[in-house]
Every structure is written in structure tokens, then in C-alpha cells.
């Protein structure tokens, strides 16, 4: 999934954290909700401005960051 048009980073918004479509809802917020056991349907019910595609974009963004994580061994 190409999340680049959905996940935005603006220095003056939420301290530059990745947000969804310029809103004040961060990728971290969505990942925390999912990790705590909320379903996609529950998140969408609580945040009517979000779409299923927004949630998938958060997951794709997190997966992309994880893929780029590199730990150097000494």
C-alpha cells in the first residue's frame, strides 16, 4: 500500500509526529488502539473522520519503518 498520500508529517502539528491526512490523529495513536485490542470497526466508530484505508496506511507505515530498522553489532 502506498501510504505517502495518507500519512503526513508537519513540524507544527503534534510535534512533527506522523499523522493521518493532516489531522491530529497520529499513526502511534492508531497503533496503540490496535495493540490494546480495539478492532478496526471500533476505531472507525470512535473516529468517524477515519477510513479503513487510513488504518491500513498506519500499518503499512509502521511496517516500512520496521523494515528499515537496523541494529549495528559491535
PDB file of N, CA and C in Angstrom:
ATOM      1  N   UNK A   1       0.837  -1.185   0.000  1.00  0.00           N
ATOM      2  CA  UNK A   1       0.000   0.000   0.000  1.00  0.00           C
ATOM      3  C   UNK A   1       0.878   1.243   0.000  1.00  0.00           C
ATOM      4  N   UNK A   2       0.507   2.206  -0.803  1.00  0.00           N
ATOM      5  CA  UNK A   2       1.238   3.472  -0.822  1.00  0.00           C
ATOM      6  C   UNK A   2       0.590   4.424   0.186  1.00  0.00           C
ATOM      7  N   UNK A   3       1.231   4.580   1.304  1.00  0.00           N
ATOM      8  CA  UNK A   3       0.689   5.403   2.394  1.00  0.00           C
ATOM      9  C   UNK A   3       1.105   6.867   2.284  1.00  0.00           C
ATOM     10  N   UNK A   4       1.933   7.198   1.327  1.00  0.00           N
ATOM     11  CA  UNK A   4       2.536   8.538   1.254  1.00  0.00           C
ATOM     12  C   UNK A   4       1.523   9.677   1.104  1.00  0.00           C
ATOM     13  N   UNK A   5       0.366   9.412   0.543  1.00  0.00           N
ATOM     14  CA  UNK A   5      -0.653  10.456   0.412  1.00  0.00           C
ATOM     15  C   UNK A   5      -1.581  10.502   1.616  1.00  0.00           C
ATOM     16  N   UNK A   6      -1.431   9.549   2.523  1.00  0.00           N
ATOM     17  CA  UNK A   6      -2.307   9.490   3.693  1.00  0.00           C
ATOM     18  C   UNK A   6      -1.567   9.912   4.959  1.00  0.00           C
ATOM     19  N   UNK A   7      -0.360   9.433   5.132  1.00  0.00           N
ATOM     20  CA  UNK A   7       0.428   9.761   6.323  1.00  0.00           C
ATOM     21  C   UNK A   7       1.206  11.048   6.051  1.00  0.00           C
ATOM     22  N   UNK A   8       0.980  12.044   6.888  1.00  0.00           N
ATOM     23  CA  UNK A   8       1.627  13.346   6.706  1.00  0.00           C
ATOM     24  C   UNK A   8       2.460  13.693   7.941  1.00  0.00           C
ATOM     25  N   UNK A   9       3.512  14.453   7.692  1.00  0.00           N
ATOM     26  CA  UNK A   9       4.355  14.920   8.794  1.00  0.00           C
ATOM     27  C   UNK A   9       4.507  16.425   8.637  1.00  0.00           C
ATOM     28  N   UNK A  10       4.009  17.148   9.636  1.00  0.00           N
ATOM     29  CA  UNK A  10       4.082  18.604   9.633  1.00  0.00           C
ATOM     30  C   UNK A  10       4.755  19.040  10.932  1.00  0.00           C
ATOM     31  N   UNK A  11       5.841  19.817  10.838  1.00  0.00           N
ATOM     32  CA  UNK A  11       6.591  20.207  12.036  1.00  0.00           C
ATOM     33  C   UNK A  11       5.733  20.834  13.136  1.00  0.00           C
ATOM     34  N   UNK A  12       4.735  21.615  12.810  1.00  0.00           N
ATOM     35  CA  UNK A  12       3.933  22.306  13.815  1.00  0.00           C
ATOM     36  C   UNK A  12       2.740  21.527  14.322  1.00  0.00           C
ATOM     37  N   UNK A  13       2.558  20.317  13.845  1.00  0.00           N
ATOM     38  CA  UNK A  13       1.389  19.530  14.249  1.00  0.00           C
ATOM     39  C   UNK A  13       1.826  18.293  15.003  1.00  0.00           C
ATOM     40  N   UNK A  14       1.353  18.149  16.225  1.00  0.00           N
ATOM     41  CA  UNK A  14       1.672  17.014  17.091  1.00  0.00           C
ATOM     42  C   UNK A  14       3.178  16.769  17.168  1.00  0.00           C
ATOM     43  N   UNK A  15       3.923  17.849  17.249  1.00  0.00           N
ATOM     44  CA  UNK A  15       5.388  17.823  17.392  1.00  0.00           C
ATOM     45  C   UNK A  15       6.080  17.099  16.245  1.00  0.00           C
ATOM     46  N   UNK A  16       5.473  17.152  15.073  1.00  0.00           N
ATOM     47  CA  UNK A  16       6.087  16.547  13.897  1.00  0.00           C
ATOM     48  C   UNK A  16       5.896  15.051  13.785  1.00  0.00           C
ATOM     49  N   UNK A  17       5.022  14.484  14.609  1.00  0.00           N
ATOM     50  CA  UNK A  17       4.765  13.047  14.541  1.00  0.00           C
ATOM     51  C   UNK A  17       3.939  12.735  13.290  1.00  0.00           C
ATOM     52  N   UNK A  18       4.105  11.545  12.729  1.00  0.00           N
ATOM     53  CA  UNK A  18       3.310  11.166  11.558  1.00  0.00           C
ATOM     54  C   UNK A  18       1.818  11.127  11.900  1.00  0.00           C
ATOM     55  N   UNK A  19       1.031  11.847  11.121  1.00  0.00           N
ATOM     56  CA  UNK A  19      -0.412  11.945  11.337  1.00  0.00           C
ATOM     57  C   UNK A  19      -1.166  11.420  10.123  1.00  0.00           C
ATOM     58  N   UNK A  20      -2.451  11.279  10.288  1.00  0.00           N
ATOM     59  CA  UNK A  20      -3.311  10.801   9.211  1.00  0.00           C
ATOM     60  C   UNK A  20      -3.944  11.992   8.512  1.00  0.00           C
ATOM     61  N   UNK A  21      -3.658  12.130   7.236  1.00  0.00           N
ATOM     62  CA  UNK A  21      -4.237  13.157   6.355  1.00  0.00           C
ATOM     63  C   UNK A  21      -4.265  14.545   6.983  1.00  0.00           C
ATOM     64  N   UNK A  22      -3.200  14.912   7.674  1.00  0.00           N
ATOM     65  CA  UNK A  22      -3.110  16.252   8.240  1.00  0.00           C
ATOM     66  C   UNK A  22      -3.951  16.476   9.480  1.00  0.00           C
ATOM     67  N   UNK A  23      -4.656  15.443   9.920  1.00  0.00           N
ATOM     68  CA  UNK A  23      -5.448  15.563  11.151  1.00  0.00           C
ATOM     69  C   UNK A  23      -4.509  15.456  12.343  1.00  0.00           C
ATOM     70  N   UNK A  24      -5.061  15.571  13.519  1.00  0.00           N
ATOM     71  CA  UNK A  24      -4.245  15.486  14.728  1.00  0.00           C
ATOM     72  C   UNK A  24      -4.214  14.069  15.294  1.00  0.00           C
ATOM     73  N   UNK A  25      -4.656  13.106  14.511  1.00  0.00           N
ATOM     74  CA  UNK A  25      -4.615  11.697  14.905  1.00  0.00           C
ATOM     75  C   UNK A  25      -3.315  11.115  14.368  1.00  0.00           C
ATOM     76  N   UNK A  26      -2.471  10.615  15.272  1.00  0.00           N
ATOM     77  CA  UNK A  26      -1.167  10.109  14.848  1.00  0.00           C
ATOM     78  C   UNK A  26      -1.207   8.624  14.517  1.00  0.00           C
ATOM     79  N   UNK A  27      -0.204   8.207  13.773  1.00  0.00           N
ATOM     80  CA  UNK A  27      -0.020   6.784  13.487  1.00  0.00           C
ATOM     81  C   UNK A  27       0.119   6.041  14.808  1.00  0.00           C
ATOM     82  N   UNK A  28       0.872   6.610  15.727  1.00  0.00           N
ATOM     83  CA  UNK A  28       1.060   5.998  17.038  1.00  0.00           C
ATOM     84  C   UNK A  28      -0.275   5.772  17.745  1.00  0.00           C
ATOM     85  N   UNK A  29      -1.172   6.752  17.676  1.00  0.00           N
ATOM     86  CA  UNK A  29      -2.488   6.613  18.312  1.00  0.00           C
ATOM     87  C   UNK A  29      -3.193   5.361  17.791  1.00  0.00           C
ATOM     88  N   UNK A  30      -3.228   5.210  16.488  1.00  0.00           N
ATOM     89  CA  UNK A  30      -3.925   4.083  15.872  1.00  0.00           C
ATOM     90  C   UNK A  30      -3.253   2.769  16.236  1.00  0.00           C
ATOM     91  N   UNK A  31      -1.930   2.738  16.207  1.00  0.00           N
ATOM     92  CA  UNK A  31      -1.218   1.511  16.571  1.00  0.00           C
ATOM     93  C   UNK A  31      -1.471   1.145  18.031  1.00  0.00           C
ATOM     94  N   UNK A  32      -1.523   2.133  18.902  1.00  0.00           N
ATOM     95  CA  UNK A  32      -1.823   1.882  20.315  1.00  0.00           C
ATOM     96  C   UNK A  32      -3.226   1.314  20.493  1.00  0.00           C
ATOM     97  N   UNK A  33      -4.195   1.872  19.764  1.00  0.00           N
ATOM     98  CA  UNK A  33      -5.558   1.359  19.859  1.00  0.00           C
ATOM     99  C   UNK A  33      -5.608  -0.101  19.418  1.00  0.00           C
ATOM    100  N   UNK A  34      -4.955  -0.402  18.305  1.00  0.00           N
ATOM    101  CA  UNK A  34      -4.936  -1.778  17.810  1.00  0.00           C
ATOM    102  C   UNK A  34      -4.225  -2.705  18.793  1.00  0.00           C
ATOM    103  N   UNK A  35      -3.096  -2.249  19.336  1.00  0.00           N
ATOM    104  CA  UNK A  35      -2.326  -3.062  20.283  1.00  0.00           C
ATOM    105  C   UNK A  35      -3.100  -3.326  21.567  1.00  0.00           C
ATOM    106  N   UNK A  36      -3.973  -2.386  21.934  1.00  0.00           N
ATOM    107  CA  UNK A  36      -4.751  -2.562  23.163  1.00  0.00           C
ATOM    108  C   UNK A  36      -5.952  -3.470  22.959  1.00  0.00           C
ATOM    109  N   UNK A  37      -6.183  -3.880  21.715  1.00  0.00           N
ATOM    110  CA  UNK A  37      -7.268  -4.814  21.445  1.00  0.00           C
ATOM    111  C   UNK A  37      -8.467  -4.236  20.726  1.00  0.00           C
ATOM    112  N   UNK A  38      -8.452  -2.942  20.451  1.00  0.00           N
ATOM    113  CA  UNK A  38      -9.568  -2.366  19.697  1.00  0.00           C
ATOM    114  C   UNK A  38      -9.576  -2.945  18.295  1.00  0.00           C
ATOM    115  N   UNK A  39     -10.756  -3.161  17.770  1.00  0.00           N
ATOM    116  CA  UNK A  39     -10.866  -3.635  16.395  1.00  0.00           C
ATOM    117  C   UNK A  39     -10.898  -2.438  15.449  1.00  0.00           C
ATOM    118  N   UNK A  40     -10.677  -2.725  14.186  1.00  0.00           N
ATOM    119  CA  UNK A  40     -10.764  -1.661  13.181  1.00  0.00           C
ATOM    120  C   UNK A  40     -12.152  -1.028  13.227  1.00  0.00           C
ATOM    121  N   UNK A  41     -13.180  -1.846  13.357  1.00  0.00           N
ATOM    122  CA  UNK A  41     -14.555  -1.333  13.406  1.00  0.00           C
ATOM    123  C   UNK A  41     -14.762  -0.405  14.598  1.00  0.00           C
ATOM    124  N   UNK A  42     -14.201  -0.747  15.740  1.00  0.00           N
ATOM    125  CA  UNK A  42     -14.343   0.099  16.932  1.00  0.00           C
ATOM    126  C   UNK A  42     -13.637   1.431  16.743  1.00  0.00           C
ATOM    127  N   UNK A  43     -12.456   1.404  16.136  1.00  0.00           N
ATOM    128  CA  UNK A  43     -11.727   2.649  15.881  1.00  0.00           C
ATOM    129  C   UNK A  43     -12.520   3.527  14.930  1.00  0.00           C
ATOM    130  N   UNK A  44     -13.042   2.931  13.870  1.00  0.00           N
ATOM    131  CA  UNK A  44     -13.813   3.697  12.890  1.00  0.00           C
ATOM    132  C   UNK A  44     -15.101   4.254  13.502  1.00  0.00           C
ATOM    133  N   UNK A  45     -15.662   3.534  14.439  1.00  0.00           N
ATOM    134  CA  UNK A  45     -16.866   4.012  15.124  1.00  0.00           C
ATOM    135  C   UNK A  45     -16.541   5.202  16.027  1.00  0.00           C
ATOM    136  N   UNK A  46     -15.400   5.147  16.707  1.00  0.00           N
ATOM    137  CA  UNK A  46     -14.996   6.226  17.609  1.00  0.00           C
ATOM    138  C   UNK A  46     -14.498   7.466  16.864  1.00  0.00           C
ATOM    139  N   UNK A  47     -13.933   7.264  15.686  1.00  0.00           N
ATOM    140  CA  UNK A  47     -13.361   8.368  14.896  1.00  0.00           C
ATOM    141  C   UNK A  47     -13.986   8.351  13.508  1.00  0.00           C
ATOM    142  N   UNK A  48     -15.125   8.995  13.378  1.00  0.00           N
ATOM    143  CA  UNK A  48     -15.889   8.944  12.132  1.00  0.00           C
ATOM    144  C   UNK A  48     -15.150   9.554  10.938  1.00  0.00           C
ATOM    145  N   UNK A  49     -14.141  10.377  11.220  1.00  0.00           N
ATOM    146  CA  UNK A  49     -13.404  11.001  10.124  1.00  0.00           C
ATOM    147  C   UNK A  49     -12.371  10.056   9.502  1.00  0.00           C
ATOM    148  N   UNK A  50     -12.114   8.919  10.145  1.00  0.00           N
ATOM    149  CA  UNK A  50     -11.147   7.952   9.629  1.00  0.00           C
ATOM    150  C   UNK A  50     -11.813   6.950   8.695  1.00  0.00           C
ATOM    151  N   UNK A  51     -10.986   6.349   7.842  1.00  0.00           N
ATOM    152  CA  UNK A  51     -11.456   5.295   6.944  1.00  0.00           C
ATOM    153  C   UNK A  51     -10.624   4.039   7.186  1.00  0.00           C
ATOM    154  N   UNK A  52     -11.104   2.931   6.669  1.00  0.00           N
ATOM    155  CA  UNK A  52     -10.357   1.682   6.771  1.00  0.00           C
ATOM    156  C   UNK A  52      -9.006   1.830   6.078  1.00  0.00           C
ATOM    157  N   UNK A  53      -8.958   2.591   5.002  1.00  0.00           N
ATOM    158  CA  UNK A  53      -7.711   2.826   4.280  1.00  0.00           C
ATOM    159  C   UNK A  53      -6.712   3.580   5.156  1.00  0.00           C
ATOM    160  N   UNK A  54      -7.187   4.490   5.994  1.00  0.00           N
ATOM    161  CA  UNK A  54      -6.308   5.219   6.913  1.00  0.00           C
ATOM    162  C   UNK A  54      -5.622   4.255   7.872  1.00  0.00           C
ATOM    163  N   UNK A  55      -6.380   3.311   8.395  1.00  0.00           N
ATOM    164  CA  UNK A  55      -5.810   2.349   9.336  1.00  0.00           C
ATOM    165  C   UNK A  55      -4.792   1.458   8.642  1.00  0.00           C
ATOM    166  N   UNK A  56      -5.105   1.019   7.440  1.00  0.00           N
ATOM    167  CA  UNK A  56      -4.156   0.206   6.668  1.00  0.00           C
ATOM    168  C   UNK A  56      -2.889   1.001   6.356  1.00  0.00           C
ATOM    169  N   UNK A  57      -3.041   2.295   6.103  1.00  0.00           N
ATOM    170  CA  UNK A  57      -1.877   3.148   5.845  1.00  0.00           C
ATOM    171  C   UNK A  57      -0.987   3.232   7.079  1.00  0.00           C
ATOM    172  N   UNK A  58      -1.580   3.289   8.260  1.00  0.00           N
ATOM    173  CA  UNK A  58      -0.801   3.307   9.506  1.00  0.00           C
ATOM    174  C   UNK A  58       0.012   2.027   9.645  1.00  0.00           C
ATOM    175  N   UNK A  59      -0.621   0.906   9.360  1.00  0.00           N
ATOM    176  CA  UNK A  59       0.076  -0.374   9.446  1.00  0.00           C
ATOM    177  C   UNK A  59       1.194  -0.463   8.413  1.00  0.00           C
ATOM    178  N   UNK A  60       0.935   0.009   7.203  1.00  0.00           N
ATOM    179  CA  UNK A  60       1.952  -0.014   6.147  1.00  0.00           C
ATOM    180  C   UNK A  60       3.124   0.899   6.517  1.00  0.00           C
ATOM    181  N   UNK A  61       2.817   2.061   7.079  1.00  0.00           N
ATOM    182  CA  UNK A  61       3.854   2.991   7.508  1.00  0.00           C
ATOM    183  C   UNK A  61       4.735   2.350   8.578  1.00  0.00           C
ATOM    184  N   UNK A  62       4.090   1.713   9.571  1.00  0.00           N
ATOM    185  CA  UNK A  62       4.838   1.064  10.651  1.00  0.00           C
ATOM    186  C   UNK A  62       5.679  -0.091  10.111  1.00  0.00           C
ATOM    187  N   UNK A  63       5.128  -0.853   9.195  1.00  0.00           N
ATOM    188  CA  UNK A  63       5.873  -1.975   8.604  1.00  0.00           C
ATOM    189  C   UNK A  63       7.078  -1.466   7.830  1.00  0.00           C
ATOM    190  N   UNK A  64       6.904  -0.370   7.116  1.00  0.00           N
ATOM    191  CA  UNK A  64       8.011   0.208   6.353  1.00  0.00           C
ATOM    192  C   UNK A  64       9.118   0.697   7.278  1.00  0.00           C
ATOM    193  N   UNK A  65       8.750   1.330   8.368  1.00  0.00           N
ATOM    194  CA  UNK A  65       9.752   1.790   9.343  1.00  0.00           C
ATOM    195  C   UNK A  65      10.476   0.614   9.976  1.00  0.00           C
ATOM    196  N   UNK A  66       9.741  -0.437  10.282  1.00  0.00           N
ATOM    197  CA  UNK A  66      10.341  -1.627  10.878  1.00  0.00           C
ATOM    198  C   UNK A  66      11.324  -2.277   9.911  1.00  0.00           C
ATOM    199  N   UNK A  67      10.961  -2.301   8.660  1.00  0.00           N
ATOM    200  CA  UNK A  67      11.826  -2.891   7.636  1.00  0.00           C
ATOM    201  C   UNK A  67      13.148  -2.137   7.549  1.00  0.00           C
ATOM    202  N   UNK A  68      13.112  -0.838   7.791  1.00  0.00           N
ATOM    203  CA  UNK A  68      14.301  -0.007   7.689  1.00  0.00           C
ATOM    204  C   UNK A  68      15.143   0.010   8.959  1.00  0.00           C
ATOM    205  N   UNK A  69      14.607  -0.555  10.035  1.00  0.00           N
ATOM    206  CA  UNK A  69      15.324  -0.577  11.307  1.00  0.00           C
ATOM    207  C   UNK A  69      16.583  -1.414  11.160  1.00  0.00           C
ATOM    208  N   UNK A  70      17.670  -0.874  11.618  1.00  0.00           N
ATOM    209  CA  UNK A  70      18.952  -1.546  11.502  1.00  0.00           C
ATOM    210  C   UNK A  70      19.687  -1.418  12.830  1.00  0.00           C
ATOM    211  N   UNK A  71      20.137  -2.529  13.322  1.00  0.00           N
ATOM    212  CA  UNK A  71      20.893  -2.534  14.558  1.00  0.00           C
ATOM    213  C   UNK A  71      22.302  -2.995  14.229  1.00  0.00           C
ATOM    214  N   UNK A  72      23.254  -2.152  14.487  1.00  0.00           N
ATOM    215  CA  UNK A  72      24.646  -2.485  14.208  1.00  0.00           C
ATOM    216  C   UNK A  72      25.219  -3.284  15.388  1.00  0.00           C
ATOM    217  N   UNK A  73      25.906  -4.338  15.064  1.00  0.00           N
ATOM    218  CA  UNK A  73      26.550  -5.109  16.134  1.00  0.00           C
ATOM    219  C   UNK A  73      28.001  -4.672  16.269  1.00  0.00           C
ATOM    220  N   UNK A  74      28.495  -4.738  17.461  1.00  0.00           N
ATOM    221  CA  UNK A  74      29.867  -4.291  17.717  1.00  0.00           C
ATOM    222  C   UNK A  74      30.840  -5.421  17.566  1.00  0.00           C
TER     223      UNK A  74
END
